[in-house]
Every structure is written in C-alpha cells, then in structure tokens.
Amino acid sequence: MSTGKQPSMLAQPLGPPSFGRMAAYLGLFVLGAVIGLAGALVQSGWFPGGLLLALAGAAGLFVGGSRVTGTRAGAVAPAVGWMVAVVLLTSSRPEGDFLFSAGAGSYLFLLGGMAVAVICATLAGGRQPGGPGARLGK
C-alpha cells in the first residue's frame, strides 16, 4: 500500500557523506581554529569587552555552521577546531613564553568557550522530516 509520500530522513539508510559536506566541515574546523586564535588575543587585550566579543564570535560561528550545513556536526566541527587551537595555545613553550595568563579572564574564555560550544551543538537544529505533519495516519 503506497501513499506516494517519501519516508522520513530517519527511515532512510545512512550513506557516505558527500565531498562538499566534508569540505564544509573541514572549512568550519579551520575557521574554528582561527576564531580560537583571534579570541585568545582579543580577550586579554580588551577585557571585559574583548572576552564578550571573543565568546560572541565563537557562538556565531558555531550556530552559523549548524545553520549552513543543517546538521549538528556543523556546530561540532568549528567547536573542535576552536578547542584544539585554544588547548594548543595554553601550553607553555620551553622558553617560558605563553599566551594565556593565570587570570580570571583566561579561565572565563576557556570555560565559557567550551560551554558555548556545548550549548550551540546541543541546541543546533538537527535533521527534520519534511512534509506538512509528523502525525501517523495522515
């Protein structure tokens, strides 16, 4: 008994991701790393406005990535890039140089950025079934 409607996205088998989607995720990963680097420089330079600007830029990228790709992975890819860049910047060099000081602003940037990444990835719109209604039998 065929009703002429296509099954929802949940009923279709998963296929390999397309090249364009993988390129988008890679680009979002790189953008996340750039935003992490820029935020690390701005947050301490213009405290407290720089901290808010850095976190708002990260949140904008995470939400924008999920909207562009239409998946939660679009928010996770730049968040992973952001986290990799920030964690690499927190380590000190053998010469004793470091980018982050041991102040409250640095900790707020690290923990706030991680919280923003989790919030944006959780609230990002996942795939929604197409069609006028989601009720069975219609």
N, C-alpha and C. Protein backbone atom coordinates (compact mmCIF):
# COMPACT_ATOMS: atom_id res chain seq x y z
N MET A 1 0.83 -1.17 0.00
CA MET A 1 0.00 0.00 0.00
C MET A 1 0.88 1.24 0.00
N SER A 2 0.99 1.90 -1.10
CA SER A 2 1.83 3.07 -1.23
C SER A 2 0.97 4.33 -1.20
N THR A 3 1.39 5.28 -0.37
CA THR A 3 0.65 6.54 -0.26
C THR A 3 1.26 7.63 -1.12
N GLY A 4 2.40 7.37 -1.73
CA GLY A 4 3.03 8.37 -2.59
C GLY A 4 3.94 9.33 -1.84
N LYS A 5 4.04 9.19 -0.54
CA LYS A 5 4.92 10.06 0.25
C LYS A 5 6.26 9.39 0.44
N GLN A 6 7.29 10.19 0.51
CA GLN A 6 8.62 9.65 0.77
C GLN A 6 8.78 9.41 2.26
N PRO A 7 9.56 8.39 2.64
CA PRO A 7 9.78 8.15 4.06
C PRO A 7 10.60 9.28 4.68
N SER A 8 10.51 9.40 5.99
CA SER A 8 11.26 10.45 6.67
C SER A 8 12.76 10.16 6.58
N MET A 9 13.55 11.16 6.97
CA MET A 9 15.01 11.01 6.94
C MET A 9 15.47 9.92 7.90
N LEU A 10 14.71 9.68 8.95
CA LEU A 10 15.11 8.66 9.92
C LEU A 10 14.97 7.26 9.37
N ALA A 11 14.09 7.06 8.39
CA ALA A 11 13.86 5.74 7.84
C ALA A 11 14.80 5.41 6.69
N GLN A 12 15.55 6.38 6.21
CA GLN A 12 16.45 6.15 5.09
C GLN A 12 17.81 5.70 5.61
N PRO A 13 18.49 4.80 4.87
CA PRO A 13 19.81 4.35 5.32
C PRO A 13 20.83 5.47 5.20
N LEU A 14 21.81 5.42 6.08
CA LEU A 14 22.88 6.40 6.05
C LEU A 14 23.86 6.06 4.94
N GLY A 15 24.25 7.04 4.19
CA GLY A 15 25.23 6.85 3.14
C GLY A 15 26.50 7.61 3.49
N PRO A 16 27.53 7.44 2.70
CA PRO A 16 28.75 8.18 2.98
C PRO A 16 28.52 9.67 2.73
N PRO A 17 29.15 10.52 3.54
CA PRO A 17 28.97 11.96 3.33
C PRO A 17 29.57 12.40 2.01
N SER A 18 28.98 13.40 1.43
CA SER A 18 29.46 13.89 0.14
C SER A 18 30.76 14.67 0.31
N PHE A 19 31.45 14.86 -0.80
CA PHE A 19 32.71 15.61 -0.78
C PHE A 19 32.47 17.05 -0.36
N GLY A 20 31.39 17.63 -0.84
CA GLY A 20 31.09 19.02 -0.48
C GLY A 20 30.83 19.18 1.00
N ARG A 21 30.12 18.23 1.58
CA ARG A 21 29.83 18.31 3.03
C ARG A 21 31.12 18.15 3.83
N MET A 22 31.99 17.24 3.42
CA MET A 22 33.26 17.05 4.12
C MET A 22 34.15 18.29 3.99
N ALA A 23 34.12 18.92 2.82
CA ALA A 23 34.88 20.16 2.63
C ALA A 23 34.32 21.26 3.52
N ALA A 24 33.01 21.31 3.67
CA ALA A 24 32.40 22.31 4.54
C ALA A 24 32.81 22.09 5.99
N TYR A 25 32.82 20.83 6.43
CA TYR A 25 33.23 20.54 7.80
C TYR A 25 34.70 20.88 8.03
N LEU A 26 35.53 20.60 7.04
CA LEU A 26 36.95 20.95 7.17
C LEU A 26 37.13 22.46 7.21
N GLY A 27 36.40 23.17 6.37
CA GLY A 27 36.47 24.63 6.40
C GLY A 27 35.98 25.20 7.72
N LEU A 28 34.92 24.62 8.28
CA LEU A 28 34.42 25.07 9.58
C LEU A 28 35.43 24.76 10.69
N PHE A 29 36.12 23.63 10.58
CA PHE A 29 37.16 23.29 11.55
C PHE A 29 38.27 24.34 11.54
N VAL A 30 38.71 24.72 10.34
CA VAL A 30 39.78 25.73 10.20
C VAL A 30 39.29 27.09 10.71
N LEU A 31 38.05 27.45 10.37
CA LEU A 31 37.50 28.71 10.88
C LEU A 31 37.41 28.70 12.40
N GLY A 32 37.06 27.57 12.99
CA GLY A 32 37.03 27.46 14.44
C GLY A 32 38.39 27.68 15.05
N ALA A 33 39.43 27.14 14.42
CA ALA A 33 40.79 27.35 14.91
C ALA A 33 41.19 28.82 14.80
N VAL A 34 40.81 29.48 13.72
CA VAL A 34 41.13 30.90 13.53
C VAL A 34 40.39 31.75 14.57
N ILE A 35 39.12 31.43 14.81
CA ILE A 35 38.35 32.17 15.81
C ILE A 35 38.93 31.94 17.21
N GLY A 36 39.41 30.73 17.48
CA GLY A 36 40.05 30.46 18.76
C GLY A 36 41.32 31.27 18.95
N LEU A 37 42.13 31.36 17.90
CA LEU A 37 43.36 32.15 17.96
C LEU A 37 43.04 33.64 18.13
N ALA A 38 42.11 34.14 17.33
CA ALA A 38 41.74 35.55 17.43
C ALA A 38 41.13 35.87 18.79
N GLY A 39 40.29 34.98 19.28
CA GLY A 39 39.67 35.19 20.59
C GLY A 39 40.69 35.19 21.70
N ALA A 40 41.71 34.34 21.59
CA ALA A 40 42.76 34.29 22.61
C ALA A 40 43.52 35.61 22.67
N LEU A 41 43.70 36.24 21.53
CA LEU A 41 44.41 37.52 21.51
C LEU A 41 43.52 38.68 21.95
N VAL A 42 42.26 38.64 21.59
CA VAL A 42 41.35 39.76 21.87
C VAL A 42 40.88 39.75 23.32
N GLN A 43 40.64 38.57 23.88
CA GLN A 43 40.02 38.50 25.21
C GLN A 43 40.88 39.14 26.29
N SER A 44 42.17 39.07 26.18
CA SER A 44 43.01 39.67 27.20
C SER A 44 43.36 41.12 26.87
N GLY A 45 43.30 41.47 25.61
CA GLY A 45 43.68 42.82 25.21
C GLY A 45 42.65 43.88 25.55
N TRP A 46 41.38 43.53 25.44
CA TRP A 46 40.30 44.50 25.68
C TRP A 46 39.34 43.99 26.73
N PHE A 47 39.85 43.54 27.85
CA PHE A 47 38.99 42.97 28.89
C PHE A 47 38.08 44.05 29.46
N PRO A 48 36.84 43.81 29.71
CA PRO A 48 35.99 42.64 29.55
C PRO A 48 35.30 42.60 28.19
N GLY A 49 35.35 43.70 27.43
CA GLY A 49 34.68 43.71 26.13
C GLY A 49 35.27 42.72 25.15
N GLY A 50 36.57 42.50 25.20
CA GLY A 50 37.21 41.54 24.32
C GLY A 50 36.78 40.11 24.61
N LEU A 51 36.57 39.83 25.89
CA LEU A 51 36.09 38.50 26.27
C LEU A 51 34.70 38.25 25.70
N LEU A 52 33.82 39.23 25.85
CA LEU A 52 32.48 39.09 25.31
C LEU A 52 32.50 39.00 23.79
N LEU A 53 33.36 39.78 23.15
CA LEU A 53 33.49 39.73 21.69
C LEU A 53 34.00 38.37 21.22
N ALA A 54 34.98 37.83 21.92
CA ALA A 54 35.54 36.52 21.55
C ALA A 54 34.51 35.41 21.70
N LEU A 55 33.75 35.43 22.79
CA LEU A 55 32.73 34.41 23.00
C LEU A 55 31.56 34.57 22.03
N ALA A 56 31.20 35.81 21.72
CA ALA A 56 30.12 36.04 20.75
C ALA A 56 30.55 35.59 19.35
N GLY A 57 31.79 35.83 18.99
CA GLY A 57 32.29 35.37 17.69
C GLY A 57 32.29 33.86 17.58
N ALA A 58 32.69 33.19 18.67
CA ALA A 58 32.68 31.72 18.68
C ALA A 58 31.25 31.21 18.58
N ALA A 59 30.35 31.79 19.35
CA ALA A 59 28.95 31.35 19.30
C ALA A 59 28.34 31.58 17.92
N GLY A 60 28.66 32.71 17.30
CA GLY A 60 28.16 32.98 15.96
C GLY A 60 28.65 31.97 14.94
N LEU A 61 29.91 31.57 15.06
CA LEU A 61 30.45 30.57 14.14
C LEU A 61 29.81 29.21 14.38
N PHE A 62 29.62 28.83 15.63
CA PHE A 62 29.03 27.52 15.92
C PHE A 62 27.59 27.44 15.42
N VAL A 63 26.81 28.48 15.70
CA VAL A 63 25.41 28.48 15.25
C VAL A 63 25.35 28.60 13.73
N GLY A 64 26.19 29.45 13.15
CA GLY A 64 26.21 29.60 11.70
C GLY A 64 26.60 28.32 10.99
N GLY A 65 27.56 27.59 11.56
CA GLY A 65 27.95 26.31 10.96
C GLY A 65 26.82 25.31 10.96
N SER A 66 26.05 25.29 12.04
CA SER A 66 24.93 24.34 12.08
C SER A 66 23.82 24.76 11.14
N ARG A 67 23.62 26.06 10.97
CA ARG A 67 22.58 26.53 10.04
C ARG A 67 22.97 26.29 8.59
N VAL A 68 24.24 26.50 8.27
CA VAL A 68 24.69 26.32 6.88
C VAL A 68 24.61 24.87 6.46
N THR A 69 25.07 23.98 7.32
CA THR A 69 25.07 22.56 6.96
C THR A 69 23.75 21.88 7.26
N GLY A 70 22.98 22.44 8.19
CA GLY A 70 21.71 21.84 8.55
C GLY A 70 21.84 20.64 9.48
N THR A 71 23.02 20.48 10.08
CA THR A 71 23.25 19.34 10.98
C THR A 71 23.93 19.83 12.25
N ARG A 72 23.91 18.98 13.25
CA ARG A 72 24.63 19.29 14.48
C ARG A 72 26.14 19.23 14.27
N ALA A 73 26.56 18.42 13.34
CA ALA A 73 28.00 18.32 13.05
C ALA A 73 28.55 19.64 12.54
N GLY A 74 27.68 20.47 11.97
CA GLY A 74 28.10 21.80 11.53
C GLY A 74 28.46 22.71 12.69
N ALA A 75 27.93 22.43 13.88
CA ALA A 75 28.31 23.17 15.07
C ALA A 75 29.48 22.51 15.78
N VAL A 76 29.60 21.20 15.65
CA VAL A 76 30.67 20.47 16.34
C VAL A 76 32.02 20.69 15.64
N ALA A 77 32.04 20.75 14.33
CA ALA A 77 33.31 20.89 13.60
C ALA A 77 34.05 22.18 13.98
N PRO A 78 33.41 23.36 13.97
CA PRO A 78 34.17 24.54 14.40
C PRO A 78 34.47 24.53 15.90
N ALA A 79 33.62 23.88 16.69
CA ALA A 79 33.89 23.80 18.13
C ALA A 79 35.14 22.97 18.40
N VAL A 80 35.32 21.90 17.63
CA VAL A 80 36.53 21.08 17.79
C VAL A 80 37.76 21.87 17.33
N GLY A 81 37.64 22.60 16.22
CA GLY A 81 38.75 23.44 15.78
C GLY A 81 39.11 24.50 16.80
N TRP A 82 38.08 25.13 17.39
CA TRP A 82 38.29 26.15 18.43
C TRP A 82 39.01 25.54 19.62
N MET A 83 38.55 24.36 20.04
CA MET A 83 39.13 23.74 21.22
C MET A 83 40.57 23.29 20.99
N VAL A 84 40.85 22.75 19.81
CA VAL A 84 42.21 22.33 19.50
C VAL A 84 43.15 23.54 19.52
N ALA A 85 42.74 24.63 18.90
CA ALA A 85 43.58 25.83 18.86
C ALA A 85 43.81 26.39 20.26
N VAL A 86 42.76 26.47 21.05
CA VAL A 86 42.89 27.06 22.38
C VAL A 86 43.72 26.18 23.30
N VAL A 87 43.54 24.87 23.23
CA VAL A 87 44.34 23.97 24.08
C VAL A 87 45.80 24.04 23.67
N LEU A 88 46.09 24.11 22.38
CA LEU A 88 47.49 24.24 21.95
C LEU A 88 48.09 25.57 22.39
N LEU A 89 47.27 26.62 22.44
CA LEU A 89 47.78 27.92 22.86
C LEU A 89 47.98 28.02 24.37
N THR A 90 47.35 27.15 25.14
CA THR A 90 47.52 27.21 26.60
C THR A 90 48.83 26.60 27.06
N SER A 91 49.43 25.76 26.26
CA SER A 91 50.68 25.13 26.69
C SER A 91 51.82 26.14 26.60
N SER A 92 52.71 26.08 27.58
CA SER A 92 53.85 26.99 27.56
C SER A 92 54.98 26.38 26.74
N ARG A 93 55.79 27.26 26.23
CA ARG A 93 56.92 26.83 25.40
C ARG A 93 58.14 26.61 26.29
N PRO A 94 59.18 25.93 25.78
CA PRO A 94 60.39 25.70 26.60
C PRO A 94 61.06 26.99 27.03
N GLU A 95 60.87 28.07 26.25
CA GLU A 95 61.49 29.34 26.61
C GLU A 95 60.75 30.03 27.75
N GLY A 96 59.58 29.51 28.10
CA GLY A 96 58.79 30.12 29.17
C GLY A 96 57.70 31.05 28.66
N ASP A 97 57.58 31.18 27.34
CA ASP A 97 56.55 32.05 26.78
C ASP A 97 55.19 31.35 26.84
N PHE A 98 54.16 32.14 27.03
CA PHE A 98 52.81 31.61 27.00
C PHE A 98 51.87 32.72 26.57
N LEU A 99 50.72 32.33 26.07
CA LEU A 99 49.75 33.30 25.57
C LEU A 99 48.70 33.64 26.62
N PHE A 100 48.30 32.66 27.41
CA PHE A 100 47.28 32.88 28.43
C PHE A 100 47.94 33.14 29.78
N SER A 101 47.45 34.15 30.46
CA SER A 101 47.91 34.38 31.83
C SER A 101 47.02 33.60 32.78
N ALA A 102 47.36 33.61 34.03
CA ALA A 102 46.59 32.85 35.02
C ALA A 102 45.50 33.73 35.64
N GLY A 103 44.90 34.59 34.85
CA GLY A 103 43.86 35.48 35.35
C GLY A 103 42.48 34.93 35.15
N ALA A 104 41.52 35.63 35.71
CA ALA A 104 40.11 35.21 35.62
C ALA A 104 39.61 35.28 34.18
N GLY A 105 40.07 36.25 33.41
CA GLY A 105 39.63 36.39 32.02
C GLY A 105 39.99 35.19 31.16
N SER A 106 41.18 34.66 31.36
CA SER A 106 41.61 33.49 30.59
C SER A 106 40.77 32.26 30.92
N TYR A 107 40.50 32.08 32.21
CA TYR A 107 39.68 30.94 32.61
C TYR A 107 38.24 31.10 32.13
N LEU A 108 37.73 32.33 32.16
CA LEU A 108 36.38 32.57 31.64
C LEU A 108 36.32 32.31 30.14
N PHE A 109 37.38 32.66 29.43
CA PHE A 109 37.42 32.40 27.99
C PHE A 109 37.44 30.90 27.71
N LEU A 110 38.27 30.16 28.43
CA LEU A 110 38.36 28.72 28.21
C LEU A 110 37.06 28.00 28.58
N LEU A 111 36.59 28.22 29.77
CA LEU A 111 35.39 27.54 30.23
C LEU A 111 34.13 28.07 29.54
N GLY A 112 34.08 29.38 29.32
CA GLY A 112 32.93 29.96 28.63
C GLY A 112 32.85 29.49 27.18
N GLY A 113 33.99 29.39 26.52
CA GLY A 113 34.00 28.91 25.14
C GLY A 113 33.56 27.46 25.04
N MET A 114 33.99 26.65 25.99
CA MET A 114 33.56 25.25 26.00
C MET A 114 32.07 25.15 26.27
N ALA A 115 31.57 25.97 27.19
CA ALA A 115 30.13 25.96 27.48
C ALA A 115 29.33 26.43 26.27
N VAL A 116 29.81 27.46 25.59
CA VAL A 116 29.12 27.95 24.38
C VAL A 116 29.12 26.87 23.30
N ALA A 117 30.23 26.16 23.16
CA ALA A 117 30.30 25.09 22.16
C ALA A 117 29.30 23.99 22.46
N VAL A 118 29.20 23.60 23.72
CA VAL A 118 28.26 22.53 24.08
C VAL A 118 26.82 23.00 23.90
N ILE A 119 26.53 24.23 24.29
CA ILE A 119 25.18 24.76 24.15
C ILE A 119 24.79 24.84 22.68
N CYS A 120 25.67 25.37 21.86
CA CYS A 120 25.35 25.53 20.43
C CYS A 120 25.21 24.17 19.74
N ALA A 121 26.05 23.22 20.10
CA ALA A 121 25.95 21.90 19.48
C ALA A 121 24.70 21.16 19.95
N THR A 122 24.29 21.40 21.17
CA THR A 122 23.10 20.73 21.68
C THR A 122 21.83 21.33 21.10
N LEU A 123 21.78 22.64 21.01
CA LEU A 123 20.58 23.31 20.54
C LEU A 123 20.51 23.46 19.03
N ALA A 124 21.55 23.05 18.34
CA ALA A 124 21.56 23.17 16.87
C ALA A 124 20.46 22.31 16.28
N GLY A 125 19.85 22.84 15.25
CA GLY A 125 18.76 22.09 14.61
C GLY A 125 19.27 20.89 13.87
N GLY A 126 18.79 19.74 14.26
CA GLY A 126 19.13 18.52 13.54
C GLY A 126 18.24 18.37 12.32
N ARG A 127 18.33 17.25 11.69
CA ARG A 127 17.50 16.99 10.51
C ARG A 127 16.05 16.86 10.93
N GLN A 128 15.21 17.55 10.24
CA GLN A 128 13.78 17.49 10.50
C GLN A 128 13.10 16.81 9.32
N PRO A 129 12.13 15.97 9.59
CA PRO A 129 11.43 15.34 8.48
C PRO A 129 10.63 16.37 7.70
N GLY A 130 10.63 16.22 6.39
CA GLY A 130 9.89 17.14 5.55
C GLY A 130 8.42 16.78 5.52
N GLY A 131 7.62 17.67 5.08
CA GLY A 131 6.20 17.39 4.97
C GLY A 131 5.39 18.26 5.90
N PRO A 132 4.09 18.26 5.69
CA PRO A 132 3.25 19.14 6.47
C PRO A 132 3.02 18.67 7.91
N GLY A 133 2.98 17.38 8.15
CA GLY A 133 2.68 16.93 9.50
C GLY A 133 3.52 15.73 9.88
N ALA A 134 3.71 15.54 11.15
CA ALA A 134 4.51 14.43 11.62
C ALA A 134 3.64 13.36 12.27
N ARG A 135 2.34 13.51 12.20
CA ARG A 135 1.45 12.53 12.81
C ARG A 135 1.28 11.34 11.89
N LEU A 136 1.21 10.18 12.48
CA LEU A 136 1.00 8.97 11.70
C LEU A 136 -0.46 8.88 11.24
N GLY A 137 -0.68 8.29 10.11
CA GLY A 137 -2.03 8.10 9.63
C GLY A 137 -2.58 9.27 8.82
N LYS A 138 -1.77 10.28 8.61
CA LYS A 138 -2.27 11.42 7.79
C LYS A 138 -1.64 11.37 6.45
